[in-house]
PDB file of N, CA and C in Angstrom:
ATOM      1  N   MET A   1      85.707  74.012 108.469  1.00  0.00           N
ATOM      2  CA  MET A   1      85.647  73.494 107.111  1.00  0.00           C
ATOM      3  C   MET A   1      84.259  72.906 106.865  1.00  0.00           C
ATOM      4  N   THR A   2      83.655  73.284 105.778  1.00  0.00           N
ATOM      5  CA  THR A   2      82.335  72.791 105.428  1.00  0.00           C
ATOM      6  C   THR A   2      82.436  71.796 104.296  1.00  0.00           C
ATOM      7  N   LEU A   3      81.657  70.732 104.411  1.00  0.00           N
ATOM      8  CA  LEU A   3      81.620  69.749 103.335  1.00  0.00           C
ATOM      9  C   LEU A   3      80.751  70.271 102.195  1.00  0.00           C
ATOM     10  N   PRO A   4      81.118  69.940 100.974  1.00  0.00           N
ATOM     11  CA  PRO A   4      80.327  70.415  99.830  1.00  0.00           C
ATOM     12  C   PRO A   4      79.064  69.559  99.634  1.00  0.00           C
ATOM     13  N   LEU A   5      78.108  69.698 100.552  1.00  0.00           N
ATOM     14  CA  LEU A   5      76.862  68.948 100.463  1.00  0.00           C
ATOM     15  C   LEU A   5      75.720  69.883 100.093  1.00  0.00           C
ATOM     16  N   SER A   6      74.768  69.336  99.391  1.00  0.00           N
ATOM     17  CA  SER A   6      73.596  70.138  99.027  1.00  0.00           C
ATOM     18  C   SER A   6      72.725  70.338 100.264  1.00  0.00           C
ATOM     19  N   PRO A   7      71.899  71.370 100.247  1.00  0.00           N
ATOM     20  CA  PRO A   7      70.964  71.567 101.368  1.00  0.00           C
ATOM     21  C   PRO A   7      70.073  70.344 101.598  1.00  0.00           C
ATOM     22  N   LEU A   8      69.678  69.664 100.523  1.00  0.00           N
ATOM     23  CA  LEU A   8      68.852  68.459 100.653  1.00  0.00           C
ATOM     24  C   LEU A   8      69.612  67.363 101.384  1.00  0.00           C
ATOM     25  N   ALA A   9      70.877  67.156 101.034  1.00  0.00           N
ATOM     26  CA  ALA A   9      71.683  66.136 101.699  1.00  0.00           C
ATOM     27  C   ALA A   9      71.837  66.450 103.181  1.00  0.00           C
ATOM     28  N   ILE A  10      72.024  67.707 103.495  1.00  0.00           N
ATOM     29  CA  ILE A  10      72.158  68.118 104.894  1.00  0.00           C
ATOM     30  C   ILE A  10      70.857  67.856 105.647  1.00  0.00           C
ATOM     31  N   GLU A  11      69.722  68.185 105.043  1.00  0.00           N
ATOM     32  CA  GLU A  11      68.427  67.925 105.682  1.00  0.00           C
ATOM     33  C   GLU A  11      68.188  66.425 105.853  1.00  0.00           C
ATOM     34  N   LEU A  12      68.610  65.614 104.880  1.00  0.00           N
ATOM     35  CA  LEU A  12      68.452  64.162 104.992  1.00  0.00           C
ATOM     36  C   LEU A  12      69.287  63.599 106.140  1.00  0.00           C
ATOM     37  N   ILE A  13      70.491  64.107 106.310  1.00  0.00           N
ATOM     38  CA  ILE A  13      71.339  63.676 107.428  1.00  0.00           C
ATOM     39  C   ILE A  13      70.672  64.057 108.750  1.00  0.00           C
ATOM     40  N   GLY A  14      70.199  65.288 108.846  1.00  0.00           N
ATOM     41  CA  GLY A  14      69.507  65.729 110.054  1.00  0.00           C
ATOM     42  C   GLY A  14      68.245  64.928 110.320  1.00  0.00           C
ATOM     43  N   SER A  15      67.514  64.626 109.275  1.00  0.00           N
ATOM     44  CA  SER A  15      66.285  63.849 109.422  1.00  0.00           C
ATOM     45  C   SER A  15      66.574  62.428 109.874  1.00  0.00           C
ATOM     46  N   ALA A  16      67.595  61.811 109.307  1.00  0.00           N
ATOM     47  CA  ALA A  16      67.979  60.455 109.717  1.00  0.00           C
ATOM     48  C   ALA A  16      68.401  60.435 111.185  1.00  0.00           C
ATOM     49  N   ALA A  17      69.197  61.408 111.588  1.00  0.00           N
ATOM     50  CA  ALA A  17      69.613  61.502 112.989  1.00  0.00           C
ATOM     51  C   ALA A  17      68.396  61.695 113.894  1.00  0.00           C
ATOM     52  N   ALA A  18      67.467  62.532 113.477  1.00  0.00           N
ATOM     53  CA  ALA A  18      66.269  62.796 114.263  1.00  0.00           C
ATOM     54  C   ALA A  18      65.423  61.533 114.431  1.00  0.00           C
ATOM     55  N   VAL A  19      65.245  60.785 113.360  1.00  0.00           N
ATOM     56  CA  VAL A  19      64.448  59.557 113.423  1.00  0.00           C
ATOM     57  C   VAL A  19      65.101  58.548 114.368  1.00  0.00           C
ATOM     58  N   ILE A  20      66.387  58.346 114.226  1.00  0.00           N
ATOM     59  CA  ILE A  20      67.090  57.352 115.051  1.00  0.00           C
ATOM     60  C   ILE A  20      67.061  57.741 116.527  1.00  0.00           C
ATOM     61  N   THR A  21      67.390  58.986 116.845  1.00  0.00           N
ATOM     62  CA  THR A  21      67.436  59.383 118.246  1.00  0.00           C
ATOM     63  C   THR A  21      66.042  59.508 118.868  1.00  0.00           C
ATOM     64  N   THR A  22      65.036  59.712 118.057  1.00  0.00           N
ATOM     65  CA  THR A  22      63.666  59.744 118.571  1.00  0.00           C
ATOM     66  C   THR A  22      63.159  58.337 118.832  1.00  0.00           C
ATOM     67  N   LEU A  23      63.375  57.439 117.885  1.00  0.00           N
ATOM     68  CA  LEU A  23      62.887  56.072 118.034  1.00  0.00           C
ATOM     69  C   LEU A  23      63.575  55.306 119.152  1.00  0.00           C
ATOM     70  N   CYS A  24      64.734  55.770 119.595  1.00  0.00           N
ATOM     71  CA  CYS A  24      65.425  55.062 120.675  1.00  0.00           C
ATOM     72  C   CYS A  24      64.626  55.088 121.969  1.00  0.00           C
ATOM     73  N   TRP A  25      63.675  56.018 122.120  1.00  0.00           N
ATOM     74  CA  TRP A  25      62.868  56.109 123.333  1.00  0.00           C
ATOM     75  C   TRP A  25      61.664  55.183 123.317  1.00  0.00           C
ATOM     76  N   VAL A  26      61.297  54.662 122.155  1.00  0.00           N
ATOM     77  CA  VAL A  26      60.119  53.798 122.047  1.00  0.00           C
ATOM     78  C   VAL A  26      60.260  52.533 122.897  1.00  0.00           C
ATOM     79  N   PRO A  27      61.371  51.793 122.840  1.00  0.00           N
ATOM     80  CA  PRO A  27      61.466  50.585 123.676  1.00  0.00           C
ATOM     81  C   PRO A  27      61.336  50.880 125.175  1.00  0.00           C
ATOM     82  N   GLN A  28      61.941  51.962 125.642  1.00  0.00           N
ATOM     83  CA  GLN A  28      61.850  52.308 127.069  1.00  0.00           C
ATOM     84  C   GLN A  28      60.420  52.660 127.444  1.00  0.00           C
ATOM     85  N   ALA A  29      59.760  53.461 126.611  1.00  0.00           N
ATOM     86  CA  ALA A  29      58.371  53.837 126.900  1.00  0.00           C
ATOM     87  C   ALA A  29      57.476  52.603 126.918  1.00  0.00           C
ATOM     88  N   LEU A  30      57.636  51.706 125.945  1.00  0.00           N
ATOM     89  CA  LEU A  30      56.816  50.489 125.902  1.00  0.00           C
ATOM     90  C   LEU A  30      57.064  49.607 127.121  1.00  0.00           C
ATOM     91  N   LYS A  31      58.326  49.484 127.527  1.00  0.00           N
ATOM     92  CA  LYS A  31      58.651  48.659 128.694  1.00  0.00           C
ATOM     93  C   LYS A  31      58.023  49.237 129.958  1.00  0.00           C
ATOM     94  N   VAL A  32      58.115  50.548 130.128  1.00  0.00           N
ATOM     95  CA  VAL A  32      57.541  51.194 131.317  1.00  0.00           C
ATOM     96  C   VAL A  32      56.022  51.059 131.310  1.00  0.00           C
ATOM     97  N   ILE A  33      55.400  51.231 130.166  1.00  0.00           N
ATOM     98  CA  ILE A  33      53.943  51.088 130.066  1.00  0.00           C
ATOM     99  C   ILE A  33      53.533  49.664 130.396  1.00  0.00           C
ATOM    100  N   ARG A  34      54.258  48.708 129.853  1.00  0.00           N
ATOM    101  CA  ARG A  34      53.934  47.295 130.031  1.00  0.00           C
ATOM    102  C   ARG A  34      54.154  46.820 131.462  1.00  0.00           C
ATOM    103  N   THR A  35      55.274  47.184 132.065  1.00  0.00           N
ATOM    104  CA  THR A  35      55.650  46.626 133.372  1.00  0.00           C
ATOM    105  C   THR A  35      55.316  47.537 134.551  1.00  0.00           C
ATOM    106  N   ARG A  36      55.142  48.824 134.305  1.00  0.00           N
ATOM    107  CA  ARG A  36      54.940  49.819 135.361  1.00  0.00           C
ATOM    108  C   ARG A  36      56.149  49.889 136.305  1.00  0.00           C
ATOM    109  N   GLU A  37      57.275  49.369 135.867  1.00  0.00           N
ATOM    110  CA  GLU A  37      58.505  49.340 136.671  1.00  0.00           C
ATOM    111  C   GLU A  37      59.358  50.551 136.340  1.00  0.00           C
ATOM    112  N   THR A  38      59.525  51.448 137.311  1.00  0.00           N
ATOM    113  CA  THR A  38      60.290  52.673 137.077  1.00  0.00           C
ATOM    114  C   THR A  38      61.325  52.941 138.160  1.00  0.00           C
ATOM    115  N   ARG A  39      61.460  52.039 139.121  1.00  0.00           N
ATOM    116  CA  ARG A  39      62.385  52.297 140.231  1.00  0.00           C
ATOM    117  C   ARG A  39      63.819  52.524 139.782  1.00  0.00           C
ATOM    118  N   SER A  40      64.232  51.870 138.738  1.00  0.00           N
ATOM    119  CA  SER A  40      65.625  52.002 138.297  1.00  0.00           C
ATOM    120  C   SER A  40      65.863  53.239 137.423  1.00  0.00           C
ATOM    121  N   LEU A  41      64.812  53.984 137.115  1.00  0.00           N
ATOM    122  CA  LEU A  41      64.953  55.171 136.275  1.00  0.00           C
ATOM    123  C   LEU A  41      65.224  56.399 137.138  1.00  0.00           C
ATOM    124  N   SER A  42      66.106  57.248 136.683  1.00  0.00           N
ATOM    125  CA  SER A  42      66.461  58.462 137.413  1.00  0.00           C
ATOM    126  C   SER A  42      65.459  59.574 137.125  1.00  0.00           C
ATOM    127  N   LEU A  43      64.781  60.027 138.171  1.00  0.00           N
ATOM    128  CA  LEU A  43      63.827  61.120 138.027  1.00  0.00           C
ATOM    129  C   LEU A  43      64.528  62.399 137.586  1.00  0.00           C
ATOM    130  N   VAL A  44      65.662  62.705 138.180  1.00  0.00           N
ATOM    131  CA  VAL A  44      66.400  63.921 137.827  1.00  0.00           C
ATOM    132  C   VAL A  44      66.822  63.887 136.357  1.00  0.00           C
ATOM    133  N   MET A  45      67.310  62.749 135.907  1.00  0.00           N
ATOM    134  CA  MET A  45      67.742  62.633 134.510  1.00  0.00           C
ATOM    135  C   MET A  45      66.570  62.862 133.560  1.00  0.00           C
ATOM    136  N   TYR A  46      65.416  62.277 133.847  1.00  0.00           N
ATOM    137  CA  TYR A  46      64.265  62.445 132.965  1.00  0.00           C
ATOM    138  C   TYR A  46      63.711  63.872 133.018  1.00  0.00           C
ATOM    139  N   LEU A  47      63.770  64.515 134.179  1.00  0.00           N
ATOM    140  CA  LEU A  47      63.364  65.921 134.255  1.00  0.00           C
ATOM    141  C   LEU A  47      64.295  66.800 133.420  1.00  0.00           C
ATOM    142  N   MET A  48      65.592  66.571 133.559  1.00  0.00           N
ATOM    143  CA  MET A  48      66.566  67.343 132.773  1.00  0.00           C
ATOM    144  C   MET A  48      66.383  67.079 131.280  1.00  0.00           C
ATOM    145  N   LEU A  49      66.158  65.817 130.927  1.00  0.00           N
ATOM    146  CA  LEU A  49      65.945  65.471 129.522  1.00  0.00           C
ATOM    147  C   LEU A  49      64.704  66.172 128.981  1.00  0.00           C
ATOM    148  N   ALA A  50      63.618  66.158 129.748  1.00  0.00           N
ATOM    149  CA  ALA A  50      62.381  66.797 129.299  1.00  0.00           C
ATOM    150  C   ALA A  50      62.594  68.296 129.081  1.00  0.00           C
ATOM    151  N   ILE A  51      63.317  68.931 129.982  1.00  0.00           N
ATOM    152  CA  ILE A  51      63.602  70.363 129.825  1.00  0.00           C
ATOM    153  C   ILE A  51      64.463  70.600 128.584  1.00  0.00           C
ATOM    154  N   GLY A  52      65.504  69.798 128.425  1.00  0.00           N
ATOM    155  CA  GLY A  52      66.392  69.947 127.265  1.00  0.00           C
ATOM    156  C   GLY A  52      65.674  69.726 125.950  1.00  0.00           C
ATOM    157  N   VAL A  53      64.850  68.692 125.878  1.00  0.00           N
ATOM    158  CA  VAL A  53      64.112  68.406 124.644  1.00  0.00           C
ATOM    159  C   VAL A  53      63.102  69.516 124.353  1.00  0.00           C
ATOM    160  N   THR A  54      62.477  70.053 125.399  1.00  0.00           N
ATOM    161  CA  THR A  54      61.551  71.169 125.205  1.00  0.00           C
ATOM    162  C   THR A  54      62.281  72.383 124.636  1.00  0.00           C
ATOM    163  N   LEU A  55      63.485  72.636 125.133  1.00  0.00           N
ATOM    164  CA  LEU A  55      64.275  73.748 124.591  1.00  0.00           C
ATOM    165  C   LEU A  55      64.682  73.489 123.139  1.00  0.00           C
ATOM    166  N   TRP A  56      65.058  72.242 122.808  1.00  0.00           N
ATOM    167  CA  TRP A  56      65.375  71.901 121.413  1.00  0.00           C
ATOM    168  C   TRP A  56      64.143  72.088 120.528  1.00  0.00           C
ATOM    169  N   LEU A  57      62.980  71.724 121.031  1.00  0.00           N
ATOM    170  CA  LEU A  57      61.738  71.918 120.277  1.00  0.00           C
ATOM    171  C   LEU A  57      61.503  73.407 120.029  1.00  0.00           C
ATOM    172  N   ALA A  58      61.677  74.216 121.058  1.00  0.00           N
ATOM    173  CA  ALA A  58      61.506  75.669 120.898  1.00  0.00           C
ATOM    174  C   ALA A  58      62.508  76.217 119.884  1.00  0.00           C
ATOM    175  N   TYR A  59      63.734  75.760 119.955  1.00  0.00           N
ATOM    176  CA  TYR A  59      64.762  76.182 119.010  1.00  0.00           C
ATOM    177  C   TYR A  59      64.366  75.790 117.586  1.00  0.00           C
ATOM    178  N   GLY A  60      63.878  74.570 117.411  1.00  0.00           N
ATOM    179  CA  GLY A  60      63.438  74.113 116.102  1.00  0.00           C
ATOM    180  C   GLY A  60      62.320  74.971 115.545  1.00  0.00           C
ATOM    181  N   VAL A  61      61.389  75.355 116.415  1.00  0.00           N
ATOM    182  CA  VAL A  61      60.286  76.225 115.993  1.00  0.00           C
ATOM    183  C   VAL A  61      60.831  77.599 115.581  1.00  0.00           C
ATOM    184  N   LEU A  62      61.737  78.125 116.384  1.00  0.00           N
ATOM    185  CA  LEU A  62      62.283  79.458 116.102  1.00  0.00           C
ATOM    186  C   LEU A  62      63.060  79.519 114.788  1.00  0.00           C
ATOM    187  N   ILE A  63      63.752  78.428 114.439  1.00  0.00           N
ATOM    188  CA  ILE A  63      64.502  78.434 113.177  1.00  0.00           C
ATOM    189  C   ILE A  63      63.754  77.712 112.056  1.00  0.00           C
ATOM    190  N   ALA A  64      62.527  77.274 112.351  1.00  0.00           N
ATOM    191  CA  ALA A  64      61.664  76.586 111.376  1.00  0.00           C
ATOM    192  C   ALA A  64      62.331  75.359 110.769  1.00  0.00           C
ATOM    193  N   SER A  65      62.908  74.527 111.623  1.00  0.00           N
ATOM    194  CA  SER A  65      63.554  73.294 111.171  1.00  0.00           C
ATOM    195  C   SER A  65      62.634  72.110 111.448  1.00  0.00           C
ATOM    196  N   TRP A  66      62.011  71.581 110.381  1.00  0.00           N
ATOM    197  CA  TRP A  66      61.069  70.483 110.552  1.00  0.00           C
ATOM    198  C   TRP A  66      61.679  69.243 111.177  1.00  0.00           C
ATOM    199  N   PRO A  67      62.901  68.833 110.833  1.00  0.00           N
ATOM    200  CA  PRO A  67      63.473  67.671 111.527  1.00  0.00           C
ATOM    201  C   PRO A  67      63.566  67.894 113.042  1.00  0.00           C
ATOM    202  N   LEU A  68      63.967  69.083 113.462  1.00  0.00           N
ATOM    203  CA  LEU A  68      64.047  69.373 114.900  1.00  0.00           C
ATOM    204  C   LEU A  68      62.664  69.423 115.540  1.00  0.00           C
ATOM    205  N   ILE A  69      61.713  70.021 114.866  1.00  0.00           N
ATOM    206  CA  ILE A  69      60.364  70.153 115.417  1.00  0.00           C
ATOM    207  C   ILE A  69      59.711  68.790 115.584  1.00  0.00           C
ATOM    208  N   VAL A  70      59.710  67.995 114.539  1.00  0.00           N
ATOM    209  CA  VAL A  70      59.044  66.690 114.590  1.00  0.00           C
ATOM    210  C   VAL A  70      59.749  65.758 115.568  1.00  0.00           C
ATOM    211  N   ALA A  71      61.067  65.655 115.459  1.00  0.00           N
ATOM    212  CA  ALA A  71      61.807  64.744 116.324  1.00  0.00           C
ATOM    213  C   ALA A  71      61.635  65.099 117.792  1.00  0.00           C
ATOM    214  N   ASN A  72      61.763  66.370 118.116  1.00  0.00           N
ATOM    215  CA  ASN A  72      61.660  66.759 119.514  1.00  0.00           C
ATOM    216  C   ASN A  72      60.218  66.759 120.008  1.00  0.00           C
ATOM    217  N   GLY A  73      59.274  66.985 119.130  1.00  0.00           N
ATOM    218  CA  GLY A  73      57.869  66.858 119.503  1.00  0.00           C
ATOM    219  C   GLY A  73      57.518  65.429 119.883  1.00  0.00           C
ATOM    220  N   VAL A  74      57.955  64.476 119.068  1.00  0.00           N
ATOM    221  CA  VAL A  74      57.711  63.061 119.365  1.00  0.00           C
ATOM    222  C   VAL A  74      58.504  62.639 120.600  1.00  0.00           C
ATOM    223  N   THR A  75      59.759  63.085 120.684  1.00  0.00           N
ATOM    224  CA  THR A  75      60.589  62.710 121.826  1.00  0.00           C
ATOM    225  C   THR A  75      59.995  63.226 123.130  1.00  0.00           C
ATOM    226  N   ILE A  76      59.532  64.464 123.171  1.00  0.00           N
ATOM    227  CA  ILE A  76      58.973  64.987 124.418  1.00  0.00           C
ATOM    228  C   ILE A  76      57.710  64.220 124.791  1.00  0.00           C
ATOM    229  N   PHE A  77      56.944  63.781 123.801  1.00  0.00           N
ATOM    230  CA  PHE A  77      55.764  62.957 124.073  1.00  0.00           C
ATOM    231  C   PHE A  77      56.170  61.648 124.745  1.00  0.00           C
ATOM    232  N   LEU A  78      57.176  60.956 124.185  1.00  0.00           N
ATOM    233  CA  LEU A  78      57.628  59.682 124.746  1.00  0.00           C
ATOM    234  C   LEU A  78      58.255  59.871 126.123  1.00  0.00           C
ATOM    235  N   VAL A  79      59.077  60.894 126.269  1.00  0.00           N
ATOM    236  CA  VAL A  79      59.719  61.163 127.554  1.00  0.00           C
ATOM    237  C   VAL A  79      58.665  61.558 128.591  1.00  0.00           C
ATOM    238  N   ALA A  80      57.641  62.282 128.189  1.00  0.00           N
ATOM    239  CA  ALA A  80      56.571  62.654 129.119  1.00  0.00           C
ATOM    240  C   ALA A  80      55.823  61.420 129.621  1.00  0.00           C
ATOM    241  N   ILE A  81      55.625  60.447 128.753  1.00  0.00           N
ATOM    242  CA  ILE A  81      54.996  59.190 129.180  1.00  0.00           C
ATOM    243  C   ILE A  81      55.863  58.514 130.240  1.00  0.00           C
ATOM    244  N   ILE A  82      57.153  58.392 129.947  1.00  0.00           N
ATOM    245  CA  ILE A  82      58.067  57.749 130.890  1.00  0.00           C
ATOM    246  C   ILE A  82      58.115  58.529 132.203  1.00  0.00           C
ATOM    247  N   LEU A  83      58.231  59.837 132.120  1.00  0.00           N
ATOM    248  CA  LEU A  83      58.299  60.684 133.304  1.00  0.00           C
ATOM    249  C   LEU A  83      57.004  60.602 134.103  1.00  0.00           C
ATOM    250  N   GLY A  84      55.881  60.618 133.428  1.00  0.00           N
ATOM    251  CA  GLY A  84      54.591  60.477 134.113  1.00  0.00           C
ATOM    252  C   GLY A  84      54.478  59.151 134.842  1.00  0.00           C
ATOM    253  N   MET A  85      54.924  58.097 134.208  1.00  0.00           N
ATOM    254  CA  MET A  85      54.896  56.774 134.843  1.00  0.00           C
ATOM    255  C   MET A  85      55.857  56.737 136.032  1.00  0.00           C
ATOM    256  N   LYS A  86      56.998  57.388 135.897  1.00  0.00           N
ATOM    257  CA  LYS A  86      57.960  57.451 137.002  1.00  0.00           C
ATOM    258  C   LYS A  86      57.343  58.181 138.185  1.00  0.00           C
ATOM    259  N   LEU A  87      56.682  59.292 137.938  1.00  0.00           N
ATOM    260  CA  LEU A  87      56.056  60.048 139.021  1.00  0.00           C
ATOM    261  C   LEU A  87      54.900  59.270 139.658  1.00  0.00           C
ATOM    262  N   ARG A  88      54.185  58.515 138.858  1.00  0.00           N
ATOM    263  CA  ARG A  88      53.039  57.767 139.379  1.00  0.00           C
ATOM    264  C   ARG A  88      53.443  56.500 140.112  1.00  0.00           C
ATOM    265  N   TYR A  89      54.414  55.762 139.553  1.00  0.00           N
ATOM    266  CA  TYR A  89      54.749  54.449 140.104  1.00  0.00           C
ATOM    267  C   TYR A  89      56.063  54.415 140.864  1.00  0.00           C
ATOM    268  N   GLY A  90      56.776  55.551 140.883  1.00  0.00           N
ATOM    269  CA  GLY A  90      57.995  55.656 141.677  1.00  0.00           C
ATOM    270  C   GLY A  90      59.166  54.982 141.108  1.00  0.00           C
TER     271      GLY A  90
END
């Protein structure tokens, strides 16, 4: 069953979801940058996340969805910072 929403409303919902789920990584990235503390972070989880987000980014590019492209582009940047710090500081 599909809701009777306009394409604009659907894009706004997707954009809001993208902004919220992307910004959730900012506090973690800032904390890791500030403290250099990464021992409690799972390397496997961040590797899997980076792969998954990269695939979502590719999917967004393939279907030309700007909310997916921007959100996953920013997310992979933030996750790469965290992952890089994890690899460097353990």
